[in-house]
Amino acid sequence: MIKQLRLKNYILIDELEANFHQGLNVITGETGSGKSIMLNALDVAFAPRVPKDIIKTNTEKAVIELVIDNSKHDLREIFEENGIDDCGSEILLTREVTPNAIRTRINGTPVNQEILKTLKSLFLDIHSQHQTYVFMQQKYQINLLDNYAANVYGKTLDEYKELYKEFTETKQKLENTKNSVNATENQIDFLKFQINEIEAAEIKNENEEEDLERELEILSNAEKLRELTGQSYWAINGDDGSIIEALGNIKQNLSKAASLDNSLESFEQQFIDALENLKSLATELRDYSQSVESNEQRLNEVQERLFIFDKLKRKYGGSLESVLKTYDQLTEELRGIEFSGQNVEELEQKLSQLLEKLNTLADEISENRKNYAKVLSVYIQEKLEQLDLPKSRFEISVTGKELSSNGKDDVEFLISTNVSEDLKPLAKVASGGEISRVMLAIKSIFADSDDIDTVIFDEIDTGISGKASQKVADEIQTLSKSHQIILITHQPIIASKADKHFYVRKSQQDETKVEVYVLQGDNRIKALAELAGGEINEQSMEFAKSLLEVGFKIL
């Protein structure tokens, strides 16, 4: 469960430390006060992408810290694989967000998004208005059913999805191969012409052009190179007036000086070494000058080869590397055409075998879906009756369709909230209060089956009041006995069930700030009275007290 949330420079919050109860945690406050900021922070703590606008204006970074109590999940293997220190039953998750970077750590160790995804699946389930929208769309409802029965046919479904991926890849490959079979003789001839043209160039490697350009520069300037290096040699080591001759006199002087003062011996040795290096350089310059020859034939050969390379680059890419890659592609395409007839037969056989396996697995999955659709339908309908929808009917429809990535079934949630109405898709339920209770029913059942530690509801009470509000409050309180619940509510009856009551207030003086308080005693009664009547007066205060004192029930 989430033990503690710490925020710094987060949106409108300077600093916040909230310690959550293991049961029901309620957040209330005036409209627009920033109640959702805390829930947003819990979501962002695990999010793959973190928006930079969470950084409070005029600050350098935002910090989110979660202290998570882990008393029932064994994470030792995951922590060991990722080099994370095992701190016992507590996990410290930290995210620092700057304009240029996001740093995520668990127990002080940097981690990747996959670890966060794993932790969120174990510890946190957030129900927001967006998720309500997702749940109501038919294309997502099959996932809800599959998640509910994951321990029954989840592995079979995973196997099916892998096999279906292989099936689609094989099908595409077969289609491409069949297209290759239909290639015309002219296409084949043209491919061979292109391949032969590149092969005729006998390109040694992708760097050959650079080597030839360097050689061309030398061949084009052979006479100049011979003249410059020859002159340099004679200047260094010629017969009369050379540098070597002048340096020889200096060497004699240093030798005499060193014989008079042995501290000069190191200078003498350094000079001797430099002189020897200069003599060696002179020899190399002489050899180079003598080796440089004008070779008109080789010059023409290099120029011709570079011309061929330019021609190939214009046709097959802007570099020799591109030409060689094009050559590989052309030869692969030709090989595919030449062997396409045989490949078609092999691929068709493989496709047939895959299709047979897929149908077998899809039939097994479909049978399980139908069975568990009935079970889940009963559970949800029972929950709806408990949530003051006694005349409602709920059914999960499973109908056949062609094979797809998740099997051969269409799954749709159907509901009727009135005796006189037929079952309709969940998306067509008009009442916001009815939708809220359907979502709560689904969440309650899934929370039990998933065994997730913390369930978050963002305004689950939308559109309900009176007796329905009491039923929702009772259901949430029951759920909080087995799960930590954190929720935002506008209903005093729901708020009165809280084990811990947070109040959010926005102030706007020099700057806009959001502050969070834990309510107790008279302050909590006043907050409930304000929720109940819109203002604090004697009647609303008495109502608030009755909620807390006697477990108020609306009959």
Protein backbone atom coordinates (compact mmCIF):
# COMPACT_ATOMS: atom_id res chain seq x y z
CA MET A 1 0.00 0.00 0.00
CA ILE A 2 1.01 3.67 -0.31
CA LYS A 3 2.28 4.76 3.12
CA GLN A 4 3.48 8.23 2.28
CA LEU A 5 3.50 10.76 -0.57
CA ARG A 6 6.04 13.58 -0.56
CA LEU A 7 5.95 16.37 -3.16
CA LYS A 8 8.23 19.33 -3.77
CA ASN A 9 7.67 22.07 -6.34
CA TYR A 10 4.86 20.02 -7.91
CA ILE A 11 2.40 22.09 -10.01
CA LEU A 12 1.00 24.50 -7.36
CA ILE A 13 2.45 22.74 -4.29
CA ASP A 14 5.64 23.99 -2.64
CA GLU A 15 6.02 21.02 -0.30
CA LEU A 16 3.62 18.30 0.81
CA GLU A 17 3.88 15.24 3.00
CA ALA A 18 0.77 13.04 3.16
CA ASN A 19 0.67 9.87 5.26
CA PHE A 20 -2.11 7.55 4.10
CA HIS A 21 -4.19 5.13 6.15
CA GLN A 22 -4.28 1.47 5.15
CA GLY A 23 -8.06 1.68 4.79
CA LEU A 24 -10.22 4.46 3.31
CA ASN A 25 -8.57 7.80 2.54
CA VAL A 26 -10.91 10.58 1.40
CA ILE A 27 -9.93 13.86 -0.28
CA THR A 28 -12.40 16.76 -0.30
CA GLY A 29 -12.25 20.49 -1.01
CA GLU A 30 -13.96 23.22 -2.95
CA THR A 31 -14.38 22.93 -6.72
CA GLY A 32 -11.15 23.97 -8.42
CA SER A 33 -9.10 23.73 -5.24
CA GLY A 34 -6.67 21.23 -6.74
CA LYS A 35 -7.96 17.99 -5.21
CA SER A 36 -6.79 15.92 -8.17
CA ILE A 37 -3.17 17.02 -7.79
CA MET A 38 -2.45 14.34 -5.18
CA LEU A 39 -3.98 11.60 -7.32
CA ASN A 40 -2.18 12.96 -10.36
CA ALA A 41 1.12 12.73 -8.49
CA LEU A 42 0.48 9.09 -7.57
CA ASP A 43 -0.20 8.33 -11.23
CA VAL A 44 2.83 10.30 -12.50
CA ALA A 45 5.06 8.43 -10.03
CA PHE A 46 4.62 5.32 -12.19
CA ALA A 47 3.93 6.95 -15.58
CA PRO A 48 6.05 6.12 -18.69
CA ARG A 49 5.95 9.77 -19.76
CA VAL A 50 6.08 12.67 -17.35
CA PRO A 51 4.88 16.11 -18.55
CA LYS A 52 7.37 18.88 -17.85
CA ASP A 53 4.56 21.29 -16.87
CA ILE A 54 4.33 19.60 -13.45
CA ILE A 55 7.39 21.66 -12.42
CA LYS A 56 6.21 24.58 -10.30
CA THR A 57 6.75 27.95 -11.98
CA ASN A 58 10.12 29.58 -11.17
CA THR A 59 11.63 26.39 -9.73
CA GLU A 60 14.31 24.10 -11.18
CA LYS A 61 12.80 20.67 -10.59
CA ALA A 62 9.80 18.80 -9.24
CA VAL A 63 10.25 15.83 -6.88
CA ILE A 64 7.80 13.00 -6.20
CA GLU A 65 8.57 10.45 -3.48
CA LEU A 66 6.46 7.46 -2.53
CA VAL A 67 7.01 5.21 0.45
CA ILE A 68 5.31 1.91 -0.38
CA ASP A 69 4.60 -0.78 2.17
CA ASN A 70 5.23 -4.20 0.67
CA SER A 71 4.03 -6.89 3.01
CA LYS A 72 2.68 -9.47 0.56
CA HIS A 73 4.65 -9.35 -2.72
CA ASP A 74 7.99 -11.13 -3.11
CA LEU A 75 10.19 -8.75 -5.12
CA ARG A 76 13.58 -10.17 -4.16
CA GLU A 77 14.26 -11.70 -7.56
CA ILE A 78 13.26 -8.54 -9.46
CA PHE A 79 15.36 -6.35 -7.15
CA GLU A 80 18.36 -8.68 -7.42
CA GLU A 81 18.22 -8.76 -11.24
CA ASN A 82 18.20 -4.96 -11.37
CA GLY A 83 20.73 -4.27 -8.63
CA ILE A 84 18.16 -2.69 -6.29
CA ASP A 85 18.79 -2.78 -2.54
CA ASP A 86 16.18 -4.77 -0.64
CA CYS A 87 15.04 -2.54 2.22
CA GLY A 88 12.64 -5.07 3.70
CA SER A 89 8.95 -4.25 3.71
CA GLU A 90 9.39 -0.65 2.51
CA ILE A 91 10.08 0.60 -1.03
CA LEU A 92 11.18 4.18 -1.71
CA LEU A 93 10.27 5.39 -5.20
CA THR A 94 11.72 8.77 -6.22
CA ARG A 95 11.22 10.74 -9.44
CA GLU A 96 13.00 14.01 -10.12
CA VAL A 97 11.73 15.99 -13.09
CA THR A 98 13.76 18.83 -14.64
CA PRO A 99 13.17 20.61 -17.97
CA ASN A 100 15.83 18.36 -19.55
CA ALA A 101 15.64 15.03 -17.75
CA ILE A 102 13.62 12.59 -15.63
CA ARG A 103 15.50 10.58 -13.00
CA THR A 104 13.77 7.57 -11.48
CA ARG A 105 15.14 5.64 -8.50
CA ILE A 106 13.97 2.77 -6.34
CA ASN A 107 15.71 2.54 -2.98
CA GLY A 108 18.30 4.93 -4.40
CA THR A 109 19.07 2.84 -7.51
CA PRO A 110 18.31 4.23 -11.02
CA VAL A 111 15.68 2.07 -12.77
CA ASN A 112 13.95 1.85 -16.15
CA GLN A 113 10.28 2.10 -17.05
CA GLU A 114 9.75 -1.67 -17.09
CA ILE A 115 10.37 -1.83 -13.33
CA LEU A 116 7.82 0.94 -12.73
CA LYS A 117 5.31 -0.89 -14.90
CA THR A 118 5.77 -4.04 -12.82
CA LEU A 119 5.40 -2.19 -9.52
CA LYS A 120 2.28 -0.36 -10.65
CA SER A 121 0.63 -3.64 -11.69
CA LEU A 122 1.14 -4.90 -8.12
CA PHE A 123 0.43 -1.84 -6.04
CA LEU A 124 -1.79 0.67 -7.81
CA ASP A 125 -5.05 0.73 -9.78
CA ILE A 126 -6.30 4.18 -10.71
CA HIS A 127 -9.87 4.73 -11.82
CA SER A 128 -10.40 8.12 -13.47
CA GLN A 129 -12.98 9.65 -15.78
CA HIS A 130 -10.72 8.70 -18.69
CA GLN A 131 -10.76 5.07 -17.58
CA THR A 132 -14.55 5.19 -17.37
CA TYR A 133 -14.54 6.26 -21.01
CA VAL A 134 -12.18 3.40 -21.89
CA PHE A 135 -14.25 0.79 -20.03
CA MET A 136 -17.36 1.84 -21.92
CA GLN A 137 -15.77 1.21 -25.32
CA GLN A 138 -16.41 -2.29 -26.60
CA LYS A 139 -12.90 -2.82 -27.98
CA TYR A 140 -11.46 -2.66 -24.45
CA GLN A 141 -14.08 -4.85 -22.76
CA ILE A 142 -12.58 -8.09 -24.02
CA ASN A 143 -9.41 -7.18 -22.11
CA LEU A 144 -11.42 -6.76 -18.89
CA LEU A 145 -12.87 -10.24 -19.24
CA ASP A 146 -9.48 -11.73 -20.11
CA ASN A 147 -7.81 -10.01 -17.16
CA TYR A 148 -10.46 -11.34 -14.81
CA ALA A 149 -9.83 -14.93 -15.92
CA ALA A 150 -6.08 -14.56 -16.57
CA ASN A 151 -5.19 -17.35 -14.14
CA VAL A 152 -7.45 -19.75 -16.09
CA TYR A 153 -6.63 -19.16 -19.76
CA GLY A 154 -4.10 -16.32 -19.67
CA LYS A 155 -1.16 -18.53 -20.71
CA THR A 156 -3.19 -20.01 -23.56
CA LEU A 157 -4.09 -16.50 -24.73
CA ASP A 158 -0.43 -15.44 -24.62
CA GLU A 159 0.51 -18.50 -26.67
CA TYR A 160 -2.25 -17.68 -29.16
CA LYS A 161 -1.06 -14.08 -29.55
CA GLU A 162 2.51 -15.18 -30.26
CA LEU A 163 1.27 -17.72 -32.78
CA TYR A 164 -1.01 -15.15 -34.43
CA LYS A 165 1.92 -12.78 -34.82
CA GLU A 166 3.86 -15.52 -36.58
CA PHE A 167 0.78 -16.26 -38.70
CA THR A 168 0.44 -12.65 -39.91
CA GLU A 169 4.16 -12.43 -40.67
CA THR A 170 4.04 -15.67 -42.64
CA LYS A 171 0.94 -14.51 -44.49
CA GLN A 172 2.66 -11.27 -45.50
CA LYS A 173 5.74 -13.16 -46.59
CA LEU A 174 3.62 -15.49 -48.70
CA GLU A 175 1.90 -12.53 -50.36
CA ASN A 176 5.26 -10.92 -51.16
CA THR A 177 6.58 -14.20 -52.53
CA LYS A 178 3.54 -14.69 -54.75
CA ASN A 179 4.05 -11.19 -56.12
CA SER A 180 7.64 -12.12 -56.89
CA VAL A 181 6.49 -15.18 -58.85
CA ASN A 182 4.55 -12.86 -61.13
CA ALA A 183 7.60 -10.77 -61.94
CA THR A 184 8.08 -10.41 -65.71
CA GLU A 185 11.08 -11.63 -67.66
CA ASN A 186 12.03 -8.00 -68.27
CA GLN A 187 12.14 -7.35 -64.53
CA ILE A 188 14.43 -10.31 -64.02
CA ASP A 189 16.70 -9.22 -66.90
CA PHE A 190 16.89 -5.71 -65.48
CA LEU A 191 17.79 -7.03 -62.03
CA LYS A 192 20.56 -9.14 -63.53
CA PHE A 193 21.85 -6.15 -65.53
CA GLN A 194 22.04 -4.02 -62.36
CA ILE A 195 23.76 -6.78 -60.41
CA ASN A 196 26.30 -7.39 -63.21
CA GLU A 197 27.01 -3.67 -63.51
CA ILE A 198 27.94 -3.42 -59.83
CA GLU A 199 29.85 -6.71 -59.88
CA ALA A 200 31.90 -5.54 -62.89
CA ALA A 201 33.26 -2.65 -60.84
CA GLU A 202 34.86 -5.17 -58.44
CA ILE A 203 34.55 -2.80 -55.48
CA LYS A 204 37.00 -3.94 -52.80
CA ASN A 205 35.34 -2.19 -49.89
CA GLU A 206 33.32 0.92 -49.04
CA ASN A 207 36.54 2.93 -48.39
CA GLU A 208 38.19 2.22 -51.75
CA GLU A 209 37.08 5.54 -53.22
CA GLU A 210 38.81 7.51 -50.46
CA ASP A 211 42.04 5.51 -51.01
CA LEU A 212 41.91 6.21 -54.75
CA GLU A 213 41.31 9.93 -54.22
CA ARG A 214 44.42 10.11 -52.02
CA GLU A 215 46.43 8.23 -54.66
CA LEU A 216 45.10 10.54 -57.39
CA GLU A 217 46.28 13.58 -55.42
CA ILE A 218 49.79 12.12 -55.20
CA LEU A 219 49.95 11.07 -58.88
CA SER A 220 48.70 14.46 -60.04
CA ASN A 221 51.41 16.27 -58.07
CA ALA A 222 54.30 13.81 -58.38
CA GLU A 223 56.78 16.30 -59.86
CA LYS A 224 56.00 18.95 -57.25
CA LEU A 225 56.28 16.41 -54.39
CA ARG A 226 59.66 15.16 -55.70
CA GLU A 227 60.96 18.72 -55.96
CA LEU A 228 59.79 19.83 -52.49
CA THR A 229 61.04 16.77 -50.61
CA GLY A 230 64.34 16.75 -52.53
CA GLN A 231 64.99 20.38 -51.71
CA SER A 232 64.18 19.72 -48.08
CA TYR A 233 66.67 16.84 -47.99
CA TRP A 234 69.51 18.93 -49.46
CA ALA A 235 68.80 21.79 -47.07
CA ILE A 236 69.11 19.44 -44.12
CA ASN A 237 72.00 17.22 -45.25
CA GLY A 238 73.58 18.64 -48.41
CA ASP A 239 77.29 18.97 -49.13
CA ASP A 240 78.02 22.58 -48.12
CA GLY A 241 76.14 24.90 -45.77
CA SER A 242 73.59 22.31 -44.72
CA ILE A 243 71.75 22.30 -41.41
CA ILE A 244 73.54 19.09 -40.37
CA GLU A 245 76.93 20.74 -40.99
CA ALA A 246 75.99 23.77 -38.84
CA LEU A 247 74.63 21.57 -36.08
CA GLY A 248 77.88 19.54 -36.11
CA ASN A 249 79.76 22.65 -35.00
CA ILE A 250 77.27 23.18 -32.17
CA LYS A 251 77.75 19.54 -31.11
CA GLN A 252 81.53 20.04 -30.85
CA ASN A 253 81.01 23.15 -28.69
CA LEU A 254 78.61 21.33 -26.35
CA SER A 255 81.05 18.40 -26.02
CA LYS A 256 83.84 20.77 -24.98
CA ALA A 257 81.55 22.56 -22.52
CA ALA A 258 80.40 19.24 -20.98
CA SER A 259 84.03 18.19 -20.44
CA LEU A 260 84.50 21.36 -18.36
CA ASP A 261 81.13 21.09 -16.50
CA ASN A 262 79.57 17.64 -16.31
CA SER A 263 76.14 19.19 -15.49
CA LEU A 264 75.95 20.01 -19.23
CA GLU A 265 76.18 16.34 -20.22
CA SER A 266 72.37 15.98 -20.29
CA PHE A 267 72.11 18.96 -22.67
CA GLU A 268 74.77 17.40 -24.87
CA GLN A 269 72.87 14.09 -24.98
CA GLN A 270 69.56 15.78 -25.82
CA PHE A 271 71.26 17.63 -28.67
CA ILE A 272 72.88 14.41 -29.98
CA ASP A 273 69.45 12.66 -29.94
CA ALA A 274 67.82 15.56 -31.80
CA LEU A 275 70.64 15.57 -34.36
CA GLU A 276 70.25 11.84 -34.98
CA ASN A 277 66.47 12.25 -35.44
CA LEU A 278 67.12 15.01 -37.97
CA LYS A 279 69.56 12.80 -39.90
CA SER A 280 66.96 10.01 -39.94
CA LEU A 281 64.32 12.45 -41.23
CA ALA A 282 66.66 13.60 -43.97
CA THR A 283 67.18 10.02 -45.09
CA GLU A 284 63.42 9.40 -45.24
CA LEU A 285 62.89 12.60 -47.27
CA ARG A 286 65.60 11.50 -49.72
CA ASP A 287 64.07 8.04 -50.10
CA TYR A 288 60.58 9.53 -50.61
CA SER A 289 61.87 12.00 -53.23
CA GLN A 290 63.53 9.21 -55.14
CA SER A 291 60.46 6.96 -54.94
CA VAL A 292 57.97 9.49 -56.35
CA GLU A 293 57.52 8.88 -60.05
CA SER A 294 55.21 10.31 -62.64
CA ASN A 295 53.01 7.43 -63.84
CA GLU A 296 50.64 8.56 -66.51
CA GLN A 297 49.18 5.09 -67.00
CA ARG A 298 48.33 4.65 -63.32
CA LEU A 299 46.92 8.19 -63.20
CA ASN A 300 44.54 7.33 -66.03
CA GLU A 301 43.55 4.05 -64.34
CA VAL A 302 42.69 5.82 -61.08
CA GLN A 303 40.72 8.53 -62.87
CA GLU A 304 38.79 5.92 -64.87
CA ARG A 305 37.96 3.93 -61.73
CA LEU A 306 36.74 7.03 -59.91
CA PHE A 307 34.57 7.86 -62.93
CA ILE A 308 33.01 4.37 -62.70
CA PHE A 309 32.36 4.90 -58.99
CA ASP A 310 30.65 8.27 -59.68
CA LYS A 311 28.43 6.60 -62.24
CA LEU A 312 27.44 3.83 -59.80
CA LYS A 313 26.77 6.33 -57.00
CA ARG A 314 24.44 8.35 -59.22
CA LYS A 315 22.44 5.19 -60.02
CA TYR A 316 22.56 3.23 -56.78
CA GLY A 317 23.21 5.67 -53.93
CA GLY A 318 25.36 8.59 -52.87
CA SER A 319 28.27 6.52 -51.56
CA LEU A 320 30.03 3.21 -52.16
CA GLU A 321 28.44 1.96 -48.96
CA SER A 322 24.99 2.62 -50.46
CA VAL A 323 26.01 0.95 -53.73
CA LEU A 324 27.08 -2.20 -51.88
CA LYS A 325 23.85 -2.22 -49.83
CA THR A 326 21.83 -1.86 -53.04
CA TYR A 327 23.77 -4.77 -54.50
CA ASP A 328 22.81 -6.96 -51.52
CA GLN A 329 19.15 -5.94 -51.89
CA LEU A 330 19.12 -6.65 -55.64
CA THR A 331 20.73 -10.08 -55.24
CA GLU A 332 18.29 -10.95 -52.43
CA GLU A 333 15.36 -9.87 -54.60
CA LEU A 334 16.62 -11.95 -57.54
CA ARG A 335 17.20 -14.94 -55.29
CA GLY A 336 13.65 -14.58 -53.95
CA ILE A 337 12.25 -14.59 -57.48
CA GLU A 338 14.30 -17.59 -58.56
CA PHE A 339 13.22 -19.64 -55.56
CA SER A 340 9.77 -18.16 -55.14
CA GLY A 341 7.93 -21.13 -56.61
CA GLN A 342 9.37 -23.46 -54.01
CA ASN A 343 8.88 -20.85 -51.27
CA VAL A 344 5.19 -20.43 -52.06
CA GLU A 345 4.54 -24.11 -51.50
CA GLU A 346 6.49 -24.17 -48.24
CA LEU A 347 4.85 -21.01 -46.92
CA GLU A 348 1.35 -22.20 -47.81
CA GLN A 349 1.99 -25.42 -45.91
CA LYS A 350 3.32 -23.51 -42.90
CA LEU A 351 0.34 -21.13 -43.00
CA SER A 352 -2.08 -24.03 -43.02
CA GLN A 353 -0.40 -25.60 -39.98
CA LEU A 354 -0.44 -22.30 -38.10
CA LEU A 355 -4.10 -21.74 -38.92
CA GLU A 356 -5.00 -25.17 -37.58
CA LYS A 357 -3.18 -24.49 -34.29
CA LEU A 358 -4.74 -21.04 -34.02
CA ASN A 359 -8.27 -22.39 -34.43
CA THR A 360 -7.65 -25.03 -31.77
CA LEU A 361 -6.39 -22.44 -29.28
CA ALA A 362 -9.11 -19.93 -30.22
CA ASP A 363 -11.82 -22.55 -29.59
CA GLU A 364 -10.37 -23.27 -26.16
CA ILE A 365 -10.15 -19.56 -25.31
CA SER A 366 -13.68 -18.92 -26.61
CA GLU A 367 -15.16 -21.67 -24.44
CA ASN A 368 -13.44 -20.25 -21.35
CA ARG A 369 -14.54 -16.72 -22.22
CA LYS A 370 -18.17 -17.78 -22.47
CA ASN A 371 -17.99 -19.60 -19.14
CA TYR A 372 -16.34 -16.74 -17.30
CA ALA A 373 -18.54 -14.15 -18.99
CA LYS A 374 -21.47 -15.82 -17.26
CA VAL A 375 -19.68 -15.88 -13.91
CA LEU A 376 -18.56 -12.27 -14.13
CA SER A 377 -21.99 -11.15 -15.32
CA VAL A 378 -23.60 -12.63 -12.20
CA TYR A 379 -21.04 -11.00 -9.91
CA ILE A 380 -21.47 -7.58 -11.50
CA GLN A 381 -25.26 -7.81 -11.41
CA GLU A 382 -25.14 -8.72 -7.71
CA LYS A 383 -22.91 -5.73 -7.07
CA LEU A 384 -25.29 -3.46 -8.99
CA GLU A 385 -28.18 -4.64 -6.82
CA GLN A 386 -26.11 -3.81 -3.74
CA LEU A 387 -25.46 -0.36 -5.23
CA ASP A 388 -29.18 0.50 -5.41
CA LEU A 389 -29.81 -0.72 -8.96
CA PRO A 390 -32.14 -3.61 -8.00
CA LYS A 391 -33.93 -3.79 -11.36
CA SER A 392 -30.75 -3.81 -13.39
CA ARG A 393 -29.65 -6.64 -15.63
CA PHE A 394 -26.07 -7.09 -16.73
CA GLU A 395 -24.74 -9.48 -19.32
CA ILE A 396 -21.37 -9.99 -21.00
CA SER A 397 -22.06 -11.02 -24.58
CA VAL A 398 -19.52 -13.28 -26.32
CA THR A 399 -20.14 -13.78 -30.04
CA GLY A 400 -18.05 -15.32 -32.80
CA LYS A 401 -16.04 -13.53 -35.47
CA GLU A 402 -13.10 -14.18 -37.78
CA LEU A 403 -9.71 -14.88 -36.25
CA SER A 404 -7.96 -11.76 -34.95
CA SER A 405 -5.05 -10.93 -32.68
CA ASN A 406 -7.01 -11.88 -29.52
CA GLY A 407 -9.01 -14.86 -30.77
CA LYS A 408 -12.33 -15.37 -32.53
CA ASP A 409 -14.66 -13.55 -30.12
CA ASP A 410 -16.41 -10.20 -29.89
CA VAL A 411 -17.04 -9.26 -26.25
CA GLU A 412 -19.52 -6.57 -25.27
CA PHE A 413 -20.88 -5.43 -21.90
CA LEU A 414 -24.69 -5.07 -22.01
CA ILE A 415 -26.90 -3.51 -19.35
CA SER A 416 -30.50 -2.59 -18.65
CA THR A 417 -31.28 -0.46 -15.60
CA ASN A 418 -35.05 -0.51 -16.10
CA VAL A 419 -37.43 -3.48 -16.24
CA SER A 420 -39.07 -2.24 -19.41
CA GLU A 421 -35.86 -1.81 -21.37
CA ASP A 422 -33.89 -4.40 -23.31
CA LEU A 423 -30.19 -4.95 -22.75
CA LYS A 424 -28.08 -2.29 -24.46
CA PRO A 425 -24.36 -1.69 -24.84
CA LEU A 426 -22.82 -0.11 -21.75
CA ALA A 427 -21.74 2.90 -23.83
CA LYS A 428 -25.42 3.82 -24.31
CA VAL A 429 -26.22 4.11 -20.61
CA ALA A 430 -27.25 7.74 -20.23
CA SER A 431 -27.18 8.35 -16.48
CA GLY A 432 -23.90 9.47 -14.95
CA GLY A 433 -24.92 7.99 -11.62
CA GLU A 434 -25.62 4.60 -13.17
CA ILE A 435 -22.28 4.64 -15.00
CA SER A 436 -20.48 5.46 -11.75
CA ARG A 437 -22.06 2.50 -9.99
CA VAL A 438 -21.32 0.13 -12.87
CA MET A 439 -17.67 1.22 -12.77
CA LEU A 440 -17.55 0.76 -8.99
CA ALA A 441 -19.06 -2.71 -9.31
CA ILE A 442 -16.50 -3.70 -11.94
CA LYS A 443 -13.64 -2.19 -9.96
CA SER A 444 -14.70 -3.90 -6.75
CA ILE A 445 -14.75 -7.31 -8.40
CA PHE A 446 -11.48 -6.78 -10.28
CA ALA A 447 -9.72 -5.45 -7.18
CA ASP A 448 -10.50 -8.71 -5.41
CA SER A 449 -9.35 -10.88 -8.31
CA ASP A 450 -6.20 -8.84 -9.07
CA ASP A 451 -5.25 -8.49 -5.40
CA ILE A 452 -3.93 -4.98 -6.04
CA ASP A 453 -2.90 -3.15 -2.86
CA THR A 454 -4.23 0.36 -3.55
CA VAL A 455 -7.32 1.38 -5.54
CA ILE A 456 -7.78 5.05 -6.44
CA PHE A 457 -11.13 6.56 -7.42
CA ASP A 458 -11.26 10.03 -8.94
CA GLU A 459 -14.85 11.25 -8.33
CA ILE A 460 -16.54 7.83 -8.53
CA ASP A 461 -19.66 9.45 -7.03
CA THR A 462 -20.47 11.53 -10.13
CA GLY A 463 -24.24 11.84 -10.63
CA ILE A 464 -25.39 10.00 -7.48
CA SER A 465 -27.17 11.20 -4.37
CA GLY A 466 -29.46 10.10 -1.59
CA LYS A 467 -29.94 6.37 -1.10
CA ALA A 468 -27.59 5.49 -3.95
CA SER A 469 -24.88 7.53 -2.27
CA GLN A 470 -25.32 5.49 0.90
CA LYS A 471 -25.01 2.24 -1.05
CA VAL A 472 -21.85 3.45 -2.79
CA ALA A 473 -20.41 4.56 0.55
CA ASP A 474 -21.09 1.13 2.07
CA GLU A 475 -19.49 -0.64 -0.92
CA ILE A 476 -16.38 1.55 -0.79
CA GLN A 477 -16.09 1.02 2.96
CA THR A 478 -16.38 -2.74 2.49
CA LEU A 479 -13.70 -2.65 -0.21
CA SER A 480 -11.43 -0.65 2.11
CA LYS A 481 -11.36 -3.57 4.56
CA SER A 482 -9.27 -5.58 2.08
CA HIS A 483 -7.66 -2.79 0.02
CA GLN A 484 -6.28 0.65 0.60
CA ILE A 485 -8.67 3.14 -1.02
CA ILE A 486 -7.82 6.74 -1.94
CA LEU A 487 -10.65 8.78 -3.43
CA ILE A 488 -11.96 12.22 -4.20
CA THR A 489 -15.62 12.75 -3.32
CA HIS A 490 -18.27 15.44 -3.13
CA GLN A 491 -20.63 13.26 -1.08
CA PRO A 492 -20.69 13.81 2.71
CA ILE A 493 -22.01 10.28 3.29
CA ILE A 494 -19.00 8.79 1.48
CA ALA A 495 -16.56 11.21 3.14
CA SER A 496 -17.93 10.27 6.58
CA LYS A 497 -16.72 6.69 6.09
CA ALA A 498 -13.08 7.81 5.83
CA ASP A 499 -10.40 6.42 8.08
CA LYS A 500 -8.41 9.52 7.12
CA HIS A 501 -9.85 12.74 5.71
CA PHE A 502 -7.68 15.12 3.65
CA TYR A 503 -8.87 18.64 2.85
CA VAL A 504 -7.42 20.61 -0.09
CA ARG A 505 -7.44 24.39 -0.13
CA LYS A 506 -6.22 26.82 -2.79
CA SER A 507 -5.00 30.27 -1.82
CA GLN A 508 -4.28 33.12 -4.24
CA GLN A 509 -2.26 35.99 -2.79
CA ASP A 510 1.15 36.83 -4.28
CA GLU A 511 1.04 33.46 -5.99
CA THR A 512 -1.36 30.53 -6.32
CA LYS A 513 -0.71 27.77 -3.78
CA VAL A 514 -2.40 24.49 -2.95
CA GLU A 515 -2.23 23.21 0.62
CA VAL A 516 -3.44 19.91 2.06
CA TYR A 517 -4.63 19.35 5.63
CA VAL A 518 -5.71 16.29 7.60
CA LEU A 519 -9.10 16.95 9.20
CA GLN A 520 -10.03 15.83 12.69
CA GLY A 521 -12.64 16.70 15.29
CA ASP A 522 -14.62 19.90 14.67
CA ASN A 523 -12.74 20.67 11.47
CA ARG A 524 -13.89 17.41 9.94
CA ILE A 525 -17.49 18.01 11.04
CA LYS A 526 -17.39 21.46 9.41
CA ALA A 527 -16.03 19.98 6.17
CA LEU A 528 -18.82 17.38 6.07
CA ALA A 529 -21.40 20.08 6.86
CA GLU A 530 -20.11 22.19 3.98
CA LEU A 531 -20.33 19.18 1.63
CA ALA A 532 -23.88 18.47 2.78
CA GLY A 533 -25.38 21.95 2.65
CA GLY A 534 -23.01 24.11 0.68
CA GLU A 535 -22.57 26.24 3.80
CA ILE A 536 -21.96 25.70 7.48
CA ASN A 537 -25.05 26.25 9.62
CA GLU A 538 -26.75 24.58 12.55
CA GLN A 539 -28.72 22.15 10.38
CA SER A 540 -25.75 21.03 8.27
CA MET A 541 -23.57 20.70 11.38
CA GLU A 542 -26.13 18.42 13.06
CA PHE A 543 -26.35 16.32 9.90
CA ALA A 544 -22.56 16.02 9.76
CA LYS A 545 -22.40 14.95 13.42
CA SER A 546 -25.06 12.31 12.83
CA LEU A 547 -23.03 10.86 9.96
CA LEU A 548 -20.04 10.38 12.22
CA GLU A 549 -21.79 9.40 15.44
CA VAL A 550 -24.39 6.82 14.48
CA GLY A 551 -23.44 5.63 10.99
CA PHE A 552 -26.30 7.55 9.34
CA LYS A 553 -28.46 5.53 6.93
CA ILE A 554 -30.84 6.90 4.30
CA LEU A 555 -33.90 4.65 4.15
